[in-house]
Amino acid sequence: MEDFDSEDCGVQDVGPQICGLVVQILETMAALLVRVRQKLLEMAILICVILLVFWVSLFLYGSFYYSFMPTANFITPVHFFYSRTDCPSPHHSMCSFLVANVSLLKNGKHQVMTYGQPYQISLELEMPESPANQELGMFLVKMTPYSKAGQTVDASSRSAMLHYRSSLLQALGTVVFSPMLLTGASEQKQSVIVELYSEFKDDSYKPSIGAIIEIHSQHIQIYRAHLYIFAHFTGIRYLLYHFPLISALTGVLSNFTFLSLIIVLSFLQFNLSRRTTLGKAVMQQEENNEPDDLSDQSEPQDEDKATAHFLDPPTITENIDTMECNSAEMEESIPDMGVDESDSDFRELAEDEPICEPRDGEMILRHRHLSQGMLQSTDDIDKTYYRVGICSSC
């Protein structure tokens, strides 16, 4: 029986410990879950802020690139025509030069060339190696840009011709490329590139919206023609155009760093101002509480001092002796209350009773006067005290 009792006691002792351990584990797990949730929330907010800053940086770089970088190149086909076909001579069916009117507006609205930016303008002519073109020799190409009002902005003229090839070289080329020539994959033609402007800068007061291109030859033969406009970039524009990937990474990272620095400094400034405000509030509250504490502390001290002063045994003994010594010698100073002594109806029965009271640090001797009229009242007792002297020691 004793063994069973000891085992029951042991089980009863272990039970509360297990319960306490389980409760402690549950509390720890709950606190851990709260911390994990808080950390996950902070990480989510941080990731959202980083993504937002990244997209803002990318948008800023794209906006800067779009506004800062002008059109790098512009290619447009050139369609020539004869301005006159009514020639007076019957031997010549065409009595005018080839003319083309080219628009220098992108989509018919936006200007191609930016003010102050140098451009290279070239004309590419695809000409067959025909006997007429070989006998033509040199010919002149003229370009005249004009403004919206029709005013001539500038004019440029350049000469050009086919590249010379001997009859033997033409025969060998024909034999070698005969399969391609027979299948139509290749043609006997030459591309003549005429550089009209090496560095053309558009005028901000008279921006160019089109150009007139003329070929001063009546017998020239052309397959097709294209006008090429290329921008000559320098400085930052050169880096942005020729190294786009490196420039994009540098610009986005710079914007990201700058925005992150602004956010961090703003957060620190907000925390600092908040802490400063809280500190000022706490200091003001402490300053407001200090006078109350001082008054609360001074009042008990004054009360204690007064109580100790009046409860001091020597003082009490001295006051009692003073009353005994001066009770016989005190000077009667009861004032006349305005009652005639001859009047027997209003005689006053005065009972003199000396009383010493503490007042303003000294013992004051007073005299109590009881009126006869008030003795007859059972509810209220009128006690009138008169100061007659000061208690002093014998």
Protein backbone atom coordinates (compact mmCIF):
# COMPACT_ATOMS: atom_id res chain seq x y z
CA MET A 1 0.00 0.00 0.00
CA GLU A 2 2.83 2.36 0.78
CA ASP A 3 4.33 1.68 -2.65
CA PHE A 4 1.06 2.53 -4.37
CA ASP A 5 0.73 5.68 -2.34
CA SER A 6 4.25 6.77 -3.26
CA GLU A 7 3.57 6.09 -6.94
CA ASP A 8 0.34 8.13 -6.78
CA CYS A 9 2.20 11.00 -5.15
CA GLY A 10 4.88 10.83 -7.86
CA VAL A 11 2.25 10.92 -10.58
CA GLN A 12 0.53 13.85 -8.94
CA ASP A 13 3.85 15.69 -8.71
CA VAL A 14 4.72 15.06 -12.37
CA GLY A 15 1.30 16.09 -13.70
CA PRO A 16 1.54 19.83 -12.96
CA GLN A 17 5.08 19.90 -14.30
CA ILE A 18 3.97 18.34 -17.59
CA CYS A 19 1.05 20.76 -17.82
CA GLY A 20 3.33 23.71 -17.15
CA LEU A 21 5.81 22.45 -19.75
CA VAL A 22 3.04 22.03 -22.33
CA VAL A 23 1.72 25.52 -21.62
CA GLN A 24 5.21 26.95 -21.92
CA ILE A 25 5.75 25.14 -25.25
CA LEU A 26 2.43 26.43 -26.57
CA GLU A 27 3.26 29.99 -25.51
CA THR A 28 6.68 29.71 -27.15
CA MET A 29 5.14 28.37 -30.36
CA ALA A 30 2.55 31.16 -30.38
CA ALA A 31 5.24 33.81 -29.88
CA LEU A 32 7.34 32.16 -32.60
CA LEU A 33 4.40 32.15 -35.00
CA VAL A 34 3.75 35.82 -34.29
CA ARG A 35 7.39 36.64 -34.97
CA VAL A 36 7.42 34.56 -38.17
CA ARG A 37 4.24 36.27 -39.36
CA GLN A 38 5.70 39.68 -38.60
CA LYS A 39 8.92 38.84 -40.43
CA LEU A 40 7.00 37.53 -43.45
CA LEU A 41 4.91 40.68 -43.52
CA GLU A 42 8.04 42.84 -43.33
CA MET A 43 9.67 40.82 -46.12
CA ALA A 44 6.56 41.15 -48.30
CA ILE A 45 6.46 44.91 -47.75
CA LEU A 46 10.18 45.17 -48.49
CA ILE A 47 9.83 43.14 -51.72
CA CYS A 48 6.88 45.29 -52.83
CA VAL A 49 8.84 48.47 -52.14
CA ILE A 50 11.87 47.14 -54.05
CA LEU A 51 9.73 46.16 -57.05
CA LEU A 52 8.00 49.53 -57.00
CA VAL A 53 11.32 51.38 -56.87
CA PHE A 54 12.67 49.19 -59.69
CA TRP A 55 9.71 49.87 -61.97
CA VAL A 56 9.87 53.57 -61.21
CA SER A 57 13.60 53.55 -62.03
CA LEU A 58 12.91 51.73 -65.30
CA PHE A 59 10.15 54.17 -66.20
CA LEU A 60 12.38 57.15 -65.46
CA TYR A 61 15.19 55.77 -67.62
CA GLY A 62 12.78 55.02 -70.47
CA SER A 63 11.31 58.51 -70.27
CA PHE A 64 14.78 60.05 -70.24
CA TYR A 65 15.90 57.94 -73.22
CA TYR A 66 12.77 58.74 -75.23
CA SER A 67 13.01 62.48 -74.59
CA PHE A 68 16.81 62.81 -74.85
CA MET A 69 17.59 60.54 -77.78
CA PRO A 70 16.55 61.83 -81.22
CA THR A 71 15.73 59.66 -84.21
CA ALA A 72 18.82 57.64 -85.00
CA ASN A 73 18.01 56.84 -88.63
CA PHE A 74 15.28 57.47 -91.14
CA ILE A 75 14.82 55.65 -94.44
CA THR A 76 12.23 56.58 -97.01
CA PRO A 77 11.75 55.56 -100.66
CA VAL A 78 12.22 58.17 -103.36
CA HIS A 79 9.86 58.15 -106.33
CA PHE A 80 11.09 60.17 -109.30
CA PHE A 81 8.95 61.65 -111.98
CA TYR A 82 9.33 63.97 -114.95
CA SER A 83 7.97 67.43 -114.39
CA ARG A 84 7.40 68.03 -118.13
CA THR A 85 6.36 65.67 -120.90
CA ASP A 86 5.23 68.19 -123.55
CA CYS A 87 8.57 68.65 -125.21
CA PRO A 88 8.67 70.87 -128.29
CA SER A 89 11.20 68.63 -130.04
CA PRO A 90 9.80 65.39 -131.41
CA HIS A 91 13.17 63.68 -131.07
CA HIS A 92 13.11 63.96 -127.25
CA SER A 93 10.14 62.48 -125.42
CA MET A 94 11.43 63.72 -122.04
CA CYS A 95 12.53 67.32 -121.84
CA SER A 96 12.90 67.70 -118.04
CA PHE A 97 15.00 66.20 -115.23
CA LEU A 98 13.91 63.55 -112.79
CA VAL A 99 12.30 65.17 -109.73
CA ALA A 100 11.09 63.69 -106.41
CA ASN A 101 9.33 65.33 -103.47
CA VAL A 102 10.28 63.60 -100.20
CA SER A 103 8.57 64.17 -96.86
CA LEU A 104 10.80 64.53 -93.81
CA LEU A 105 8.01 63.87 -91.30
CA LYS A 106 7.58 60.60 -89.44
CA ASN A 107 4.05 59.30 -89.90
CA GLY A 108 3.23 62.64 -91.48
CA LYS A 109 3.21 64.41 -88.06
CA HIS A 110 6.50 64.30 -86.17
CA GLN A 111 9.72 65.82 -87.42
CA VAL A 112 12.55 63.45 -88.15
CA MET A 113 15.47 65.75 -87.40
CA THR A 114 16.11 67.38 -84.02
CA TYR A 115 17.35 70.93 -83.70
CA GLY A 116 21.10 71.19 -83.28
CA GLN A 117 21.76 67.50 -84.01
CA PRO A 118 24.06 66.81 -87.01
CA TYR A 119 22.76 64.33 -89.59
CA GLN A 120 24.25 62.55 -92.57
CA ILE A 121 21.92 62.47 -95.58
CA SER A 122 22.62 60.11 -98.47
CA LEU A 123 20.77 58.99 -101.60
CA GLU A 124 21.07 55.40 -102.78
CA LEU A 125 20.40 54.71 -106.46
CA GLU A 126 20.05 51.19 -107.89
CA MET A 127 21.07 51.51 -111.55
CA PRO A 128 21.34 48.73 -114.15
CA GLU A 129 24.63 48.19 -115.97
CA SER A 130 23.00 49.09 -119.21
CA PRO A 131 24.81 50.69 -122.17
CA ALA A 132 22.74 53.88 -121.65
CA ASN A 133 23.96 54.32 -118.08
CA GLN A 134 27.53 53.44 -119.05
CA GLU A 135 27.46 56.03 -121.82
CA LEU A 136 25.84 58.55 -119.47
CA GLY A 137 29.01 59.19 -117.52
CA MET A 138 28.69 61.69 -114.64
CA PHE A 139 25.41 63.16 -113.57
CA LEU A 140 24.39 65.68 -110.90
CA VAL A 141 22.11 65.08 -107.90
CA LYS A 142 20.63 68.09 -106.11
CA MET A 143 18.68 68.23 -102.82
CA THR A 144 16.74 71.27 -101.60
CA PRO A 145 15.08 71.07 -98.14
CA TYR A 146 12.12 73.39 -97.55
CA SER A 147 10.14 74.56 -94.53
CA LYS A 148 6.42 74.49 -93.76
CA ALA A 149 5.99 77.92 -95.36
CA GLY A 150 7.67 76.72 -98.56
CA GLN A 151 10.92 78.59 -97.92
CA THR A 152 14.17 77.03 -99.02
CA VAL A 153 16.25 76.02 -96.02
CA ASP A 154 19.40 74.86 -97.82
CA ALA A 155 20.62 73.33 -101.09
CA SER A 156 23.25 70.72 -101.86
CA SER A 157 24.54 69.27 -105.17
CA ARG A 158 26.73 66.19 -105.65
CA SER A 159 27.96 64.38 -108.72
CA ALA A 160 27.94 60.61 -109.23
CA MET A 161 28.45 57.88 -111.85
CA LEU A 162 28.54 54.12 -112.27
CA HIS A 163 31.66 52.22 -111.30
CA TYR A 164 33.73 51.33 -114.30
CA ARG A 165 33.92 47.69 -115.36
CA SER A 166 35.70 46.48 -118.47
CA SER A 167 34.03 44.27 -121.05
CA LEU A 168 36.23 41.29 -120.04
CA LEU A 169 35.29 41.70 -116.37
CA GLN A 170 31.63 41.94 -117.29
CA ALA A 171 31.92 38.76 -119.39
CA LEU A 172 33.65 36.82 -116.58
CA GLY A 173 31.09 38.04 -114.06
CA THR A 174 28.27 36.98 -116.34
CA VAL A 175 29.75 33.48 -116.74
CA VAL A 176 30.40 33.00 -113.04
CA PHE A 177 27.01 34.29 -111.84
CA SER A 178 25.08 32.83 -114.77
CA PRO A 179 23.17 30.27 -112.62
CA MET A 180 22.02 33.01 -110.23
CA LEU A 181 21.27 35.34 -113.08
CA LEU A 182 19.24 32.64 -114.80
CA THR A 183 17.23 31.87 -111.65
CA GLY A 184 16.64 35.57 -110.92
CA ALA A 185 18.46 35.50 -107.58
CA SER A 186 20.90 38.14 -108.82
CA GLU A 187 20.82 41.05 -111.24
CA GLN A 188 23.39 42.98 -113.17
CA LYS A 189 23.10 46.25 -111.32
CA GLN A 190 25.09 48.65 -109.17
CA SER A 191 24.18 50.62 -106.06
CA VAL A 192 25.41 54.17 -106.28
CA ILE A 193 25.43 56.02 -102.95
CA VAL A 194 25.50 59.81 -103.17
CA GLU A 195 26.29 61.66 -99.92
CA LEU A 196 24.32 64.89 -100.10
CA TYR A 197 25.05 66.18 -96.55
CA SER A 198 27.76 65.06 -94.18
CA GLU A 199 26.58 67.15 -91.20
CA PHE A 200 23.21 68.74 -91.74
CA LYS A 201 21.73 70.70 -88.80
CA ASP A 202 18.10 71.66 -88.96
CA ASP A 203 17.16 75.28 -88.34
CA SER A 204 14.95 75.84 -85.31
CA TYR A 205 13.33 78.89 -86.91
CA LYS A 206 12.68 77.13 -90.22
CA PRO A 207 12.41 73.41 -89.54
CA SER A 208 12.55 71.20 -92.60
CA ILE A 209 9.44 69.20 -93.38
CA GLY A 210 10.40 68.01 -96.91
CA ALA A 211 12.99 68.09 -99.66
CA ILE A 212 13.09 68.27 -103.43
CA ILE A 213 15.57 65.86 -105.07
CA GLU A 214 16.57 66.37 -108.69
CA ILE A 215 18.79 64.29 -111.01
CA HIS A 216 20.16 66.47 -113.76
CA SER A 217 20.02 63.90 -116.53
CA GLN A 218 17.31 63.10 -119.03
CA HIS A 219 18.53 59.64 -120.03
CA ILE A 220 19.44 58.08 -116.72
CA GLN A 221 17.92 54.70 -115.89
CA ILE A 222 17.10 53.83 -112.28
CA TYR A 223 15.57 50.73 -110.70
CA ARG A 224 14.75 52.27 -107.33
CA ALA A 225 16.03 54.94 -104.92
CA HIS A 226 16.08 55.44 -101.13
CA LEU A 227 16.94 58.40 -98.96
CA TYR A 228 18.94 57.64 -95.77
CA ILE A 229 19.23 60.01 -92.83
CA PHE A 230 21.64 59.00 -90.05
CA ALA A 231 22.35 60.94 -86.87
CA HIS A 232 25.92 61.59 -85.72
CA PHE A 233 25.84 61.18 -81.94
CA THR A 234 28.46 62.52 -79.57
CA GLY A 235 28.92 62.41 -75.81
CA ILE A 236 26.15 60.76 -73.80
CA ARG A 237 24.04 60.16 -76.90
CA TYR A 238 26.90 58.23 -78.46
CA LEU A 239 27.11 55.96 -75.38
CA LEU A 240 23.35 55.51 -75.20
CA TYR A 241 23.12 54.56 -78.87
CA HIS A 242 26.20 52.37 -79.32
CA PHE A 243 26.12 50.73 -75.86
CA PRO A 244 22.41 50.40 -75.10
CA LEU A 245 22.58 47.46 -72.64
CA ILE A 246 25.36 48.91 -70.48
CA SER A 247 23.72 52.33 -70.56
CA ALA A 248 20.36 50.85 -69.55
CA LEU A 249 21.86 48.93 -66.62
CA THR A 250 23.81 51.96 -65.46
CA GLY A 251 20.82 54.28 -65.72
CA VAL A 252 18.36 51.94 -64.00
CA LEU A 253 20.80 51.13 -61.18
CA SER A 254 21.57 54.84 -60.70
CA ASN A 255 17.88 55.69 -60.47
CA PHE A 256 17.28 52.74 -58.14
CA THR A 257 20.12 53.79 -55.85
CA PHE A 258 19.00 57.41 -55.80
CA LEU A 259 15.37 56.55 -55.05
CA SER A 260 16.38 54.03 -52.39
CA LEU A 261 18.59 56.63 -50.73
CA ILE A 262 15.72 59.12 -50.71
CA ILE A 263 13.36 56.54 -49.19
CA VAL A 264 15.87 55.52 -46.50
CA LEU A 265 16.63 59.13 -45.57
CA SER A 266 12.92 59.95 -45.44
CA PHE A 267 12.29 56.93 -43.21
CA LEU A 268 15.12 57.90 -40.87
CA GLN A 269 13.94 61.51 -40.76
CA PHE A 270 10.40 60.35 -39.97
CA ASN A 271 11.63 58.11 -37.15
CA LEU A 272 13.90 60.86 -35.79
CA SER A 273 11.12 63.45 -35.80
CA ARG A 274 8.76 60.95 -34.20
CA ARG A 275 11.24 60.13 -31.45
CA THR A 276 11.94 63.83 -30.92
CA THR A 277 8.22 64.53 -30.60
CA LEU A 278 7.75 61.68 -28.16
CA GLY A 279 10.76 62.82 -26.14
CA LYS A 280 9.45 66.37 -25.94
CA ALA A 281 6.04 65.10 -24.88
CA VAL A 282 7.59 62.92 -22.16
CA MET A 283 9.78 65.76 -20.92
CA GLN A 284 6.82 68.15 -20.85
CA GLN A 285 4.76 65.61 -18.95
CA GLU A 286 7.57 65.10 -16.46
CA GLU A 287 7.91 68.87 -16.02
CA ASN A 288 4.17 69.14 -15.42
CA ASN A 289 4.28 66.33 -12.87
CA GLU A 290 7.29 67.74 -10.93
CA PRO A 291 5.38 70.66 -9.25
CA ASP A 292 2.58 68.28 -8.21
CA ASP A 293 5.11 65.90 -6.71
CA LEU A 294 6.88 68.73 -4.92
CA SER A 295 3.61 70.07 -3.50
CA ASP A 296 2.55 66.57 -2.48
CA GLN A 297 5.88 66.06 -0.75
CA SER A 298 5.92 69.49 0.96
CA GLU A 299 2.42 69.22 2.40
CA PRO A 300 3.12 66.01 4.39
CA GLN A 301 6.42 67.46 5.58
CA ASP A 302 4.72 70.63 6.85
CA GLU A 303 2.02 68.62 8.53
CA ASP A 304 4.59 66.32 10.11
CA LYS A 305 6.62 69.29 11.35
CA ALA A 306 3.56 70.98 12.85
CA THR A 307 2.38 67.75 14.45
CA ALA A 308 5.83 67.06 15.83
CA HIS A 309 6.10 70.61 17.11
CA PHE A 310 2.77 70.54 18.93
CA LEU A 311 3.08 66.97 20.10
CA ASP A 312 6.53 67.48 21.48
CA PRO A 313 6.33 66.66 25.23
CA PRO A 314 8.47 69.59 26.44
CA THR A 315 6.37 71.97 24.38
CA ILE A 316 3.13 70.60 25.76
CA THR A 317 4.47 70.72 29.31
CA GLU A 318 5.66 74.25 28.77
CA ASN A 319 2.30 75.32 27.39
CA ILE A 320 0.49 73.84 30.35
CA ASP A 321 2.82 75.57 32.81
CA THR A 322 2.33 78.82 30.94
CA MET A 323 -1.43 78.55 31.24
CA GLU A 324 -1.20 77.83 34.96
CA CYS A 325 1.18 80.72 35.59
CA ASN A 326 -0.68 83.31 33.57
CA SER A 327 -4.21 82.31 34.46
CA ALA A 328 -4.03 84.36 37.65
CA GLU A 329 -2.19 87.30 36.06
CA MET A 330 -4.01 87.61 32.75
CA GLU A 331 -5.58 90.85 31.97
CA GLU A 332 -9.28 90.95 31.55
CA SER A 333 -10.08 92.37 28.14
CA ILE A 334 -13.62 91.24 27.53
CA PRO A 335 -15.25 94.04 25.53
CA ASP A 336 -18.57 95.46 26.33
CA MET A 337 -21.25 93.84 24.16
CA GLY A 338 -23.47 96.84 24.31
CA VAL A 339 -25.68 95.55 27.19
CA ASP A 340 -26.55 97.94 30.02
CA GLU A 341 -25.59 96.67 33.46
CA SER A 342 -28.57 98.38 35.01
CA ASP A 343 -30.94 96.41 32.88
CA SER A 344 -31.83 93.36 34.94
CA ASP A 345 -33.64 91.64 32.00
CA PHE A 346 -30.55 91.38 29.91
CA ARG A 347 -27.97 90.43 32.51
CA GLU A 348 -25.28 88.14 31.24
CA LEU A 349 -23.84 85.35 33.14
CA ALA A 350 -20.24 85.30 32.16
CA GLU A 351 -18.14 82.35 32.86
CA ASP A 352 -14.47 83.00 32.34
CA GLU A 353 -12.53 80.03 31.11
CA PRO A 354 -8.96 80.61 29.96
CA ILE A 355 -7.95 78.56 26.93
CA CYS A 356 -4.54 78.41 25.27
CA GLU A 357 -4.62 77.65 21.54
CA PRO A 358 -1.74 77.20 19.10
CA ARG A 359 -1.79 79.80 16.36
CA ASP A 360 1.03 80.93 14.00
CA GLY A 361 3.83 79.33 15.99
CA GLU A 362 2.74 80.77 19.46
CA MET A 363 0.32 79.88 22.19
CA ILE A 364 -2.54 82.39 22.34
CA LEU A 365 -4.60 82.83 25.52
CA ARG A 366 -8.31 83.29 24.83
CA HIS A 367 -11.34 83.89 27.00
CA ARG A 368 -14.64 82.19 26.36
CA HIS A 369 -17.83 84.16 26.99
CA LEU A 370 -21.17 82.46 27.32
CA SER A 371 -24.30 84.52 26.96
CA GLN A 372 -27.36 83.87 29.02
CA GLY A 373 -29.63 83.90 26.01
CA MET A 374 -27.71 81.17 24.33
CA LEU A 375 -27.70 78.99 27.40
CA GLN A 376 -31.41 78.65 27.06
CA SER A 377 -31.09 77.23 23.52
CA THR A 378 -30.76 73.49 23.33
CA ASP A 379 -29.84 73.20 19.66
CA ASP A 380 -27.04 75.64 19.10
CA ILE A 381 -24.45 76.93 21.52
CA ASP A 382 -22.87 80.24 20.72
CA LYS A 383 -19.33 80.24 21.88
CA THR A 384 -17.57 83.55 21.55
CA TYR A 385 -13.83 83.66 22.06
CA TYR A 386 -11.82 86.76 22.73
CA ARG A 387 -8.11 87.05 22.64
CA VAL A 388 -6.88 88.34 25.96
CA GLY A 389 -3.16 87.57 26.04
CA ILE A 390 -0.30 85.35 25.16
CA CYS A 391 0.68 82.32 27.13
CA SER A 392 4.13 82.60 28.60
CA SER A 393 6.17 80.46 30.92
CA CYS A 394 6.40 81.16 34.65
